[in-house]
N, C-alpha and C. Protein backbone atom coordinates (compact mmCIF):
# COMPACT_ATOMS: atom_id res chain seq x y z
N MET A 1 -9.26 4.96 4.33
CA MET A 1 -8.11 4.31 4.67
C MET A 1 -7.40 4.27 6.05
N GLY A 2 -7.16 3.42 6.23
CA GLY A 2 -5.71 3.39 7.10
C GLY A 2 -4.20 2.71 6.73
N TYR A 3 -3.61 2.87 7.04
CA TYR A 3 -2.13 2.61 6.88
C TYR A 3 -2.25 1.05 6.12
N GLN A 4 -2.79 0.31 6.87
CA GLN A 4 -2.76 -1.34 6.46
C GLN A 4 -3.01 -1.26 5.13
N LYS A 5 -4.85 -0.83 5.08
CA LYS A 5 -5.50 -0.56 4.13
C LYS A 5 -5.01 -0.42 2.71
N LEU A 6 -3.94 0.50 3.38
CA LEU A 6 -2.91 0.91 1.88
C LEU A 6 -1.93 0.13 1.43
N ILE A 7 -1.04 -0.85 2.68
CA ILE A 7 -0.61 -2.32 2.16
C ILE A 7 -0.84 -2.74 1.29
N ASN A 8 -1.96 -3.29 1.68
CA ASN A 8 -2.64 -4.34 1.51
C ASN A 8 -3.42 -3.98 -0.63
N SER A 9 -4.01 -2.71 -0.49
CA SER A 9 -3.72 -1.86 -1.59
C SER A 9 -3.06 -2.48 -2.93
N ASN A 10 -1.68 -1.96 -2.06
CA ASN A 10 -0.67 -1.44 -3.08
C ASN A 10 0.20 -2.74 -3.41
N ILE A 11 -0.38 -4.13 -2.30
CA ILE A 11 0.60 -5.60 -2.98
C ILE A 11 -0.24 -6.10 -3.97
N LYS A 12 -1.64 -5.86 -3.80
CA LYS A 12 -2.45 -6.03 -5.04
C LYS A 12 -1.89 -5.51 -6.43
N GLU A 13 -1.79 -4.04 -6.17
CA GLU A 13 -1.32 -3.16 -7.58
C GLU A 13 -0.04 -3.86 -8.32
N LEU A 14 0.72 -3.85 -7.02
CA LEU A 14 2.08 -4.72 -7.63
C LEU A 14 1.95 -5.80 -8.13
N ARG A 15 1.23 -6.75 -7.36
CA ARG A 15 0.77 -8.43 -8.07
C ARG A 15 0.67 -8.17 -9.23
N LEU A 16 -0.42 -7.64 -9.20
CA LEU A 16 -1.14 -6.92 -11.14
C LEU A 16 0.35 -6.35 -11.82
N LYS A 17 1.02 -6.06 -11.63
CA LYS A 17 1.91 -5.12 -12.05
C LYS A 17 3.25 -5.68 -12.74
N HIS A 18 2.57 -7.06 -11.78
CA HIS A 18 3.90 -7.23 -12.52
C HIS A 18 3.73 -9.17 -12.76
N HIS A 19 2.36 -8.61 -13.48
CA HIS A 19 1.43 -9.96 -13.91
C HIS A 19 1.77 -11.13 -13.40
N LEU A 20 1.57 -11.51 -11.58
CA LEU A 20 1.02 -12.20 -11.53
C LEU A 20 -0.13 -13.05 -10.81
N THR A 21 -0.26 -13.87 -10.72
CA THR A 21 -2.09 -14.89 -10.79
C THR A 21 -1.88 -14.32 -8.66
N GLN A 22 -3.21 -14.70 -8.30
CA GLN A 22 -3.29 -15.11 -6.77
C GLN A 22 -2.03 -16.48 -6.59
N GLU A 23 -2.54 -18.08 -7.16
CA GLU A 23 -2.01 -18.48 -7.18
C GLU A 23 -0.38 -18.30 -7.15
N GLU A 24 0.14 -18.08 -8.35
CA GLU A 24 1.70 -17.54 -8.27
C GLU A 24 2.40 -16.80 -7.47
N PHE A 25 1.86 -15.83 -6.74
CA PHE A 25 2.39 -15.25 -5.91
C PHE A 25 2.13 -15.62 -4.59
N ALA A 26 0.92 -15.95 -4.11
CA ALA A 26 0.94 -17.27 -2.80
C ALA A 26 2.01 -18.29 -3.58
N GLU A 27 2.51 -18.90 -4.01
CA GLU A 27 3.65 -19.54 -4.31
C GLU A 27 4.88 -19.27 -4.15
N LYS A 28 5.27 -18.22 -4.50
CA LYS A 28 6.17 -17.49 -4.18
C LYS A 28 6.23 -16.38 -3.02
N ILE A 29 5.28 -16.59 -1.71
CA ILE A 29 5.68 -16.00 -0.73
C ILE A 29 5.15 -17.07 0.24
N GLY A 30 5.41 -18.24 -0.37
CA GLY A 30 4.23 -19.06 0.67
C GLY A 30 3.34 -19.39 2.13
N ILE A 31 2.56 -17.84 1.27
CA ILE A 31 0.75 -18.64 1.67
C ILE A 31 0.24 -19.15 0.85
N SER A 32 -0.79 -19.45 1.40
CA SER A 32 -2.25 -19.72 0.86
C SER A 32 -2.91 -19.24 -0.03
N LEU A 33 -3.22 -19.74 -1.05
CA LEU A 33 -4.28 -18.89 -2.43
C LEU A 33 -5.30 -17.94 -1.29
N GLN A 34 -6.07 -18.96 -0.04
CA GLN A 34 -6.56 -17.74 0.15
C GLN A 34 -6.33 -16.61 1.42
N GLY A 35 -5.08 -17.04 1.35
CA GLY A 35 -4.29 -15.92 2.72
C GLY A 35 -4.11 -15.03 1.44
N VAL A 36 -3.71 -14.71 -0.13
CA VAL A 36 -3.69 -13.61 -0.99
C VAL A 36 -4.66 -13.13 -1.03
N SER A 37 -6.17 -13.68 -1.07
CA SER A 37 -7.13 -12.99 -1.65
C SER A 37 -7.34 -11.94 -0.01
N ASN A 38 -6.83 -13.49 1.26
CA ASN A 38 -7.41 -12.11 2.38
C ASN A 38 -7.15 -10.99 2.15
N ILE A 39 -5.92 -10.85 2.12
CA ILE A 39 -4.59 -9.36 2.08
C ILE A 39 -5.23 -8.58 1.25
N GLU A 40 -5.35 -9.23 0.11
CA GLU A 40 -6.08 -8.11 -1.06
C GLU A 40 -7.06 -7.66 -0.73
N ARG A 41 -8.54 -8.00 -0.03
CA ARG A 41 -9.36 -7.55 0.48
C ARG A 41 -9.17 -7.53 1.88
N ASN A 42 -7.94 -7.05 2.48
CA ASN A 42 -8.04 -6.54 3.47
C ASN A 42 -8.78 -6.91 4.68
N ARG A 43 -9.04 -8.58 4.69
CA ARG A 43 -9.44 -8.76 5.82
C ARG A 43 -8.24 -10.06 6.36
N TYR A 44 -7.33 -10.01 5.68
CA TYR A 44 -5.83 -10.13 7.06
C TYR A 44 -4.62 -9.73 6.71
N GLN A 45 -4.09 -9.42 7.59
CA GLN A 45 -3.49 -8.42 7.66
C GLN A 45 -1.54 -8.95 7.66
N PRO A 46 -0.82 -8.84 6.60
CA PRO A 46 0.71 -10.07 6.13
C PRO A 46 1.40 -9.29 7.71
N THR A 47 2.12 -11.15 7.93
CA THR A 47 3.36 -10.34 9.39
C THR A 47 4.05 -10.01 9.17
N ALA A 48 5.23 -9.08 9.80
CA ALA A 48 6.16 -8.76 8.87
C ALA A 48 7.26 -9.80 8.35
N GLU A 49 7.09 -11.14 8.48
CA GLU A 49 8.08 -12.11 8.08
C GLU A 49 6.74 -12.27 6.48
N THR A 50 6.11 -12.00 6.49
CA THR A 50 5.09 -12.37 5.08
C THR A 50 5.74 -11.10 4.16
N ILE A 51 5.19 -9.39 4.97
CA ILE A 51 5.71 -8.27 4.22
C ILE A 51 7.50 -8.20 3.42
N ASP A 52 7.95 -9.35 4.28
CA ASP A 52 9.59 -9.23 3.75
C ASP A 52 9.54 -9.93 2.93
N LYS A 53 8.78 -11.08 2.60
CA LYS A 53 8.98 -11.92 1.15
C LYS A 53 7.91 -11.22 0.39
N ILE A 54 7.71 -10.95 0.52
CA ILE A 54 6.31 -10.02 -0.90
C ILE A 54 7.02 -8.71 -1.11
N CYS A 55 8.26 -7.70 -0.23
CA CYS A 55 9.06 -6.89 -0.39
C CYS A 55 10.52 -7.79 -1.77
N SER A 56 10.39 -8.48 -0.94
CA SER A 56 11.57 -9.58 -1.73
C SER A 56 11.46 -9.70 -3.24
N VAL A 57 9.74 -10.16 -3.21
CA VAL A 57 9.63 -10.33 -4.53
C VAL A 57 9.58 -9.79 -5.64
N PHE A 58 8.85 -8.27 -5.77
CA PHE A 58 8.93 -7.16 -6.06
C PHE A 58 10.55 -6.07 -5.68
N GLY A 59 11.24 -6.67 -5.13
CA GLY A 59 12.71 -5.81 -5.04
C GLY A 59 12.56 -4.24 -4.75
N ILE A 60 11.98 -4.51 -3.11
CA ILE A 60 11.49 -2.87 -2.70
C ILE A 60 11.55 -3.26 -1.14
N SER A 61 11.58 -2.34 -0.49
CA SER A 61 11.98 -1.90 0.57
C SER A 61 10.51 -1.97 1.00
N PRO A 62 10.04 -2.26 2.66
CA PRO A 62 8.75 -2.35 3.59
C PRO A 62 8.30 -1.00 3.40
N ALA A 63 8.98 0.48 3.05
CA ALA A 63 8.88 2.08 3.00
C ALA A 63 7.95 1.53 1.88
N GLN A 64 8.72 1.45 0.44
CA GLN A 64 8.21 1.30 -0.52
C GLN A 64 6.82 0.59 -0.94
N LEU A 65 6.71 -0.23 -0.27
CA LEU A 65 5.08 -0.93 -0.31
C LEU A 65 4.16 0.08 0.61
N LEU A 66 4.53 0.21 1.75
CA LEU A 66 3.78 1.24 1.78
C LEU A 66 3.30 2.70 0.99
N LEU A 67 4.42 3.28 0.59
CA LEU A 67 4.15 4.08 -0.69
C LEU A 67 4.68 4.03 -2.20
N THR A 68 4.35 3.15 -2.62
CA THR A 68 4.05 2.60 -3.91
C THR A 68 3.79 3.76 -4.30
N THR A 69 4.54 3.65 -5.32
CA THR A 69 4.04 5.97 -7.21
C THR A 69 2.78 4.98 -7.30
N PRO A 70 1.75 6.06 -7.16
CA PRO A 70 0.43 5.46 -7.87
C PRO A 70 0.58 5.83 -9.04
N ASP A 71 -0.71 4.93 -10.37
CA ASP A 71 0.51 5.80 -11.44
C ASP A 71 -0.96 7.27 -11.64
N THR A 72 -1.86 6.74 -11.08
CA THR A 72 -2.96 8.11 -11.85
C THR A 72 -3.38 9.09 -10.66
N ASN A 73 -3.36 9.92 -10.61
CA ASN A 73 -4.29 11.18 -9.78
C ASN A 73 -4.69 10.57 -8.66
N GLU A 74 -5.83 9.71 -9.27
CA GLU A 74 -6.99 9.78 -8.51
C GLU A 74 -6.40 8.43 -7.81
N ASN A 75 -5.07 8.04 -7.56
CA ASN A 75 -4.36 7.19 -6.90
C ASN A 75 -3.67 7.63 -5.91
N ILE A 76 -3.31 9.04 -7.11
CA ILE A 76 -2.46 9.51 -5.97
C ILE A 76 -3.01 10.69 -4.35
N ILE A 77 -4.70 11.16 -4.70
CA ILE A 77 -5.26 11.61 -4.32
C ILE A 77 -5.43 10.67 -2.95
N LYS A 78 -6.31 9.30 -3.58
CA LYS A 78 -6.41 8.80 -2.44
C LYS A 78 -5.24 7.86 -1.10
N ASN A 79 -4.30 7.92 -1.85
CA ASN A 79 -2.64 7.60 -1.22
C ASN A 79 -2.45 9.01 -0.37
N ILE A 80 -3.06 10.56 -1.00
CA ILE A 80 -2.48 11.12 0.78
C ILE A 80 -4.14 11.34 1.36
N ILE A 81 -4.63 11.14 1.08
CA ILE A 81 -6.08 10.96 2.47
C ILE A 81 -5.52 10.19 3.20
N THR A 82 -4.98 8.70 2.73
CA THR A 82 -4.81 7.66 4.04
C THR A 82 -3.95 7.75 4.54
N LEU A 83 -2.75 8.83 3.81
CA LEU A 83 -2.17 9.55 5.31
C LEU A 83 -2.34 9.96 6.37
N LEU A 84 -3.50 11.14 5.55
CA LEU A 84 -4.12 12.08 6.27
C LEU A 84 -4.78 11.54 7.04
N SER A 85 -5.22 11.17 7.52
CA SER A 85 -6.32 10.38 7.87
C SER A 85 -5.42 10.02 9.60
N GLY A 86 -4.63 9.40 9.78
CA GLY A 86 -3.91 9.47 11.01
C GLY A 86 -3.57 10.47 11.37
N CYS A 87 -3.46 11.79 10.93
CA CYS A 87 -2.71 12.66 11.39
C CYS A 87 -3.67 13.55 12.59
N LYS A 88 -3.15 14.31 13.30
CA LYS A 88 -4.01 15.36 14.87
C LYS A 88 -3.93 16.16 13.86
N ARG A 89 -4.90 17.21 14.05
CA ARG A 89 -5.43 19.12 13.53
C ARG A 89 -4.33 19.48 13.09
N LYS A 90 -3.70 20.05 14.42
CA LYS A 90 -2.25 20.91 13.77
C LYS A 90 -1.63 20.50 12.91
N LYS A 91 -1.49 19.37 13.00
CA LYS A 91 -0.21 18.45 11.60
C LYS A 91 -0.96 18.76 10.34
N LEU A 92 -2.11 18.46 10.64
CA LEU A 92 -3.05 19.37 9.95
C LEU A 92 -3.67 19.58 8.99
N LYS A 93 -3.16 21.23 9.53
CA LYS A 93 -3.47 22.44 9.14
C LYS A 93 -1.89 23.02 9.38
N GLN A 94 -0.97 22.13 9.49
CA GLN A 94 0.72 22.57 8.72
C GLN A 94 0.27 21.89 7.14
N ILE A 95 0.81 20.84 7.05
CA ILE A 95 0.33 19.80 6.28
C ILE A 95 -0.60 20.53 4.71
N TYR A 96 -2.26 21.57 5.61
CA TYR A 96 -2.53 22.42 4.47
C TYR A 96 -2.28 23.86 4.47
N ASP A 97 -0.94 24.21 4.60
CA ASP A 97 -0.74 25.42 4.48
C ASP A 97 0.45 25.18 3.69
N ILE A 98 1.47 23.68 3.59
CA ILE A 98 2.02 23.95 2.45
C ILE A 98 1.64 23.33 1.22
N ILE A 99 0.64 22.90 1.41
CA ILE A 99 0.12 22.62 0.15
C ILE A 99 -0.70 23.45 -0.15
N PHE A 100 -1.16 24.21 0.36
CA PHE A 100 -1.94 25.55 0.24
C PHE A 100 -0.52 26.30 -0.59
N ILE A 101 0.10 26.35 -0.42
CA ILE A 101 1.47 27.17 -0.88
C ILE A 101 1.69 27.01 -2.22
N LEU A 102 2.22 25.34 -1.93
CA LEU A 102 2.85 25.07 -3.17
C LEU A 102 1.19 24.75 -4.59
N SER A 103 0.35 24.49 -4.25
CA SER A 103 -0.61 24.82 -5.42
C SER A 103 -0.89 26.46 -5.78
N LYS A 104 0.28 27.62 -5.50
CA LYS A 104 -0.23 28.82 -6.20
C LYS A 104 0.45 28.94 -7.68
């Protein structure tokens, strides 16, 4: 999973957490119901303007949208894997060394 898929997944999680239907959410951010559906299914990448509107609805920054705090260990692991998938080998080794030390 890449950054974009993580963002789209977090958008859906935030919408559900705020008890908004796709239709209500679409109205709040000014896009079609189909647009929201496509974002949540990772078929459409929201524009910067749409991301700003989404962040405004939830009272968060774009950075927070990328790193939405997961509620479960499974989501934490999924988010870590997503973030690591774009790293080069050298950086992965450094991260591994840090995790190894912290896990003791």
